[in-house]
Amino acid sequence: MSDPLIVILGAAVRPDGRASPALIRRIDGGFRLAAAHPRALVFCSGGVGRHGPSEASIMAERLTAMGLARERLVLDEDSLDTLQTAVAATRCIRARDLPGAVVCTDSYHTPRTRLIFAALGVSTLDGSVKAGPRQMGWPAWVRMRLREIPAIPYDGVLALTKRGGL
């Protein structure tokens, strides 16, 4: 049986084109997961948000600079949110007959992401990276936690509507 797909969810790119702290946390977490699963493909997700380049291309550049083989990378430069990422990753998982996904995102974001994958019929493992007040600062942490409250049921319902088309 093959390894699950390591899915690194995107995060903001700074105006100067560099990775934000959240994106760096997720990339570093994805690299650790790739080392723990040496045969797994790594799904780098995130299109161009407010600032370019794409989140996925920044991930790929940093991961290869860290020593990860480029042939292990699958780039999704179209997804602009969590649901789009999960749908794209689900298509990749099904096309390659993989057993599921290891979800690599900030810890506050993991429950919603895993719920979306479950609604799409994909089993997941938790590959979250620590993202609390110490890593983010209190204002950002509170803002992100509050954002997740309405997003969890909203994305859960939307994911169920997408399931049939995959």
Protein backbone atom coordinates (compact mmCIF):
# COMPACT_ATOMS: atom_id res chain seq x y z
CA MET A 1 0.00 0.00 0.00
CA SER A 2 1.25 3.49 -0.77
CA ASP A 3 1.71 6.38 1.62
CA PRO A 4 -0.92 9.06 2.10
CA LEU A 5 -0.55 12.37 0.28
CA ILE A 6 1.05 15.07 2.43
CA VAL A 7 -1.12 18.14 1.88
CA ILE A 8 0.41 21.50 2.82
CA LEU A 9 -2.22 24.21 2.86
CA GLY A 10 -1.25 27.65 1.66
CA ALA A 11 -1.02 30.86 3.64
CA ALA A 12 -0.38 34.49 2.80
CA VAL A 13 2.49 35.80 0.75
CA ARG A 14 3.92 39.14 1.85
CA PRO A 15 3.81 42.20 -0.44
CA ASP A 16 7.51 41.72 -1.24
CA GLY A 17 6.83 38.15 -2.44
CA ARG A 18 8.27 36.39 0.60
CA ALA A 19 6.50 33.73 2.61
CA SER A 20 4.54 34.88 5.66
CA PRO A 21 5.36 33.32 9.06
CA ALA A 22 2.29 31.07 8.70
CA LEU A 23 3.45 29.84 5.31
CA ILE A 24 6.96 29.19 6.66
CA ARG A 25 5.51 27.20 9.60
CA ARG A 26 3.48 25.05 7.22
CA ILE A 27 6.37 24.49 4.80
CA ASP A 28 8.69 23.48 7.64
CA GLY A 29 6.01 21.15 9.02
CA GLY A 30 5.51 19.64 5.57
CA PHE A 31 9.23 19.03 5.26
CA ARG A 32 9.27 17.18 8.60
CA LEU A 33 6.30 15.08 7.45
CA ALA A 34 8.05 14.32 4.14
CA ALA A 35 11.09 13.11 6.08
CA ALA A 36 8.84 10.86 8.20
CA HIS A 37 7.08 9.53 5.06
CA PRO A 38 9.95 9.26 2.55
CA ARG A 39 7.83 7.69 -0.22
CA ALA A 40 4.91 10.11 0.07
CA LEU A 41 4.12 12.79 -2.46
CA VAL A 42 3.84 16.34 -1.13
CA PHE A 43 0.88 18.41 -2.35
CA CYS A 44 1.81 22.10 -2.26
CA SER A 45 -1.37 24.14 -2.44
CA GLY A 46 -2.14 27.80 -2.92
CA GLY A 47 -2.60 30.13 -5.83
CA VAL A 48 -1.75 33.80 -6.10
CA GLY A 49 -3.56 35.76 -3.43
CA ARG A 50 -3.17 39.49 -2.90
CA HIS A 51 0.53 39.22 -3.65
CA GLY A 52 2.49 36.89 -5.91
CA PRO A 53 4.07 34.53 -6.53
CA SER A 54 1.77 31.59 -5.83
CA GLU A 55 1.86 30.03 -2.38
CA ALA A 56 2.49 26.62 -3.97
CA SER A 57 5.54 27.86 -5.90
CA ILE A 58 7.03 29.38 -2.75
CA MET A 59 6.49 26.04 -0.99
CA ALA A 60 8.17 24.14 -3.80
CA GLU A 61 11.15 26.49 -3.92
CA ARG A 62 11.72 26.33 -0.17
CA LEU A 63 11.18 22.55 0.06
CA THR A 64 13.65 21.82 -2.73
CA ALA A 65 16.16 24.23 -1.16
CA MET A 66 15.79 22.18 2.04
CA GLY A 67 16.65 19.01 0.09
CA LEU A 68 13.28 17.54 -0.86
CA ALA A 69 13.32 15.96 -4.32
CA ARG A 70 11.27 17.98 -6.81
CA GLU A 71 9.72 14.79 -8.23
CA ARG A 72 7.91 14.28 -4.93
CA LEU A 73 6.06 17.59 -5.30
CA VAL A 74 2.59 18.09 -6.75
CA LEU A 75 1.77 21.78 -7.22
CA ASP A 76 -1.76 23.12 -6.98
CA GLU A 77 -1.48 26.76 -7.99
CA ASP A 78 -5.21 27.25 -8.54
CA SER A 79 -6.75 26.79 -5.09
CA LEU A 80 -7.48 29.97 -3.18
CA ASP A 81 -9.13 28.59 -0.04
CA THR A 82 -9.32 25.52 2.18
CA LEU A 83 -12.26 23.93 0.39
CA GLN A 84 -10.67 24.34 -3.05
CA THR A 85 -7.45 22.81 -1.71
CA ALA A 86 -9.29 19.82 -0.25
CA VAL A 87 -11.18 19.23 -3.50
CA ALA A 88 -7.99 19.44 -5.58
CA ALA A 89 -6.12 17.16 -3.16
CA THR A 90 -9.03 14.68 -3.18
CA ARG A 91 -8.84 14.50 -6.96
CA CYS A 92 -5.08 13.86 -6.72
CA ILE A 93 -5.60 11.16 -4.08
CA ARG A 94 -8.23 9.38 -6.15
CA ALA A 95 -6.29 9.68 -9.42
CA ARG A 96 -3.24 8.09 -7.80
CA ASP A 97 -5.21 5.59 -5.66
CA LEU A 98 -3.65 6.87 -2.42
CA PRO A 99 -5.01 5.87 0.99
CA GLY A 100 -5.72 9.42 2.20
CA ALA A 101 -3.98 12.59 3.31
CA VAL A 102 -1.74 13.90 6.04
CA VAL A 103 -3.03 17.43 6.64
CA CYS A 104 -0.31 20.00 7.28
CA THR A 105 -1.69 23.34 8.40
CA ASP A 106 -1.75 25.50 11.51
CA SER A 107 -3.23 23.75 14.54
CA TYR A 108 -6.20 26.15 14.80
CA HIS A 109 -7.06 25.35 11.14
CA THR A 110 -6.71 21.55 11.35
CA PRO A 111 -10.21 20.65 12.64
CA ARG A 112 -11.95 22.46 9.76
CA THR A 113 -9.56 21.05 7.18
CA ARG A 114 -9.99 17.49 8.38
CA LEU A 115 -13.78 17.93 8.53
CA ILE A 116 -13.80 19.03 4.88
CA PHE A 117 -11.72 16.01 3.83
CA ALA A 118 -14.03 13.71 5.81
CA ALA A 119 -17.07 15.25 4.09
CA LEU A 120 -15.34 14.54 0.77
CA GLY A 121 -14.81 10.92 1.81
CA VAL A 122 -11.05 11.10 2.40
CA SER A 123 -9.40 9.74 5.54
CA THR A 124 -6.78 12.00 7.09
CA LEU A 125 -3.99 12.03 9.59
CA ASP A 126 -3.12 15.08 11.67
CA GLY A 127 0.11 16.72 10.54
CA SER A 128 -0.63 20.10 12.09
CA VAL A 129 1.97 22.62 13.14
CA LYS A 130 1.77 24.52 16.40
CA ALA A 131 0.17 27.90 15.91
CA GLY A 132 -0.81 29.44 19.20
CA PRO A 133 -0.39 32.85 20.80
CA ARG A 134 3.35 32.26 21.24
CA GLN A 135 3.87 31.64 17.51
CA MET A 136 1.36 34.19 16.19
CA GLY A 137 0.80 36.76 18.91
CA TRP A 138 -2.47 37.05 20.81
CA PRO A 139 -4.37 39.34 18.40
CA ALA A 140 -3.73 37.17 15.33
CA TRP A 141 -4.42 33.95 17.23
CA VAL A 142 -7.76 35.24 18.55
CA ARG A 143 -8.72 36.55 15.10
CA MET A 144 -7.96 33.19 13.45
CA ARG A 145 -9.76 31.19 16.13
CA LEU A 146 -12.85 33.39 15.78
CA ARG A 147 -12.73 33.03 11.99
CA GLU A 148 -12.92 29.24 12.35
CA ILE A 149 -16.21 29.30 14.30
CA PRO A 150 -18.49 30.15 11.34
CA ALA A 151 -16.15 28.61 8.77
CA ILE A 152 -16.38 25.07 10.17
CA PRO A 153 -20.11 24.48 9.55
CA TYR A 154 -20.10 26.58 6.38
CA ASP A 155 -17.26 24.65 4.73
CA GLY A 156 -18.59 21.34 6.06
CA VAL A 157 -21.91 21.82 4.28
CA LEU A 158 -20.23 23.07 1.09
CA ALA A 159 -17.90 20.06 1.08
CA LEU A 160 -20.85 17.70 1.26
CA THR A 161 -22.29 19.33 -1.86
CA LYS A 162 -18.98 18.79 -3.71
CA ARG A 163 -18.60 15.12 -2.75
CA GLY A 164 -20.79 13.73 -5.52
CA GLY A 165 -18.83 15.46 -8.26
CA LEU A 166 -15.46 13.96 -7.32
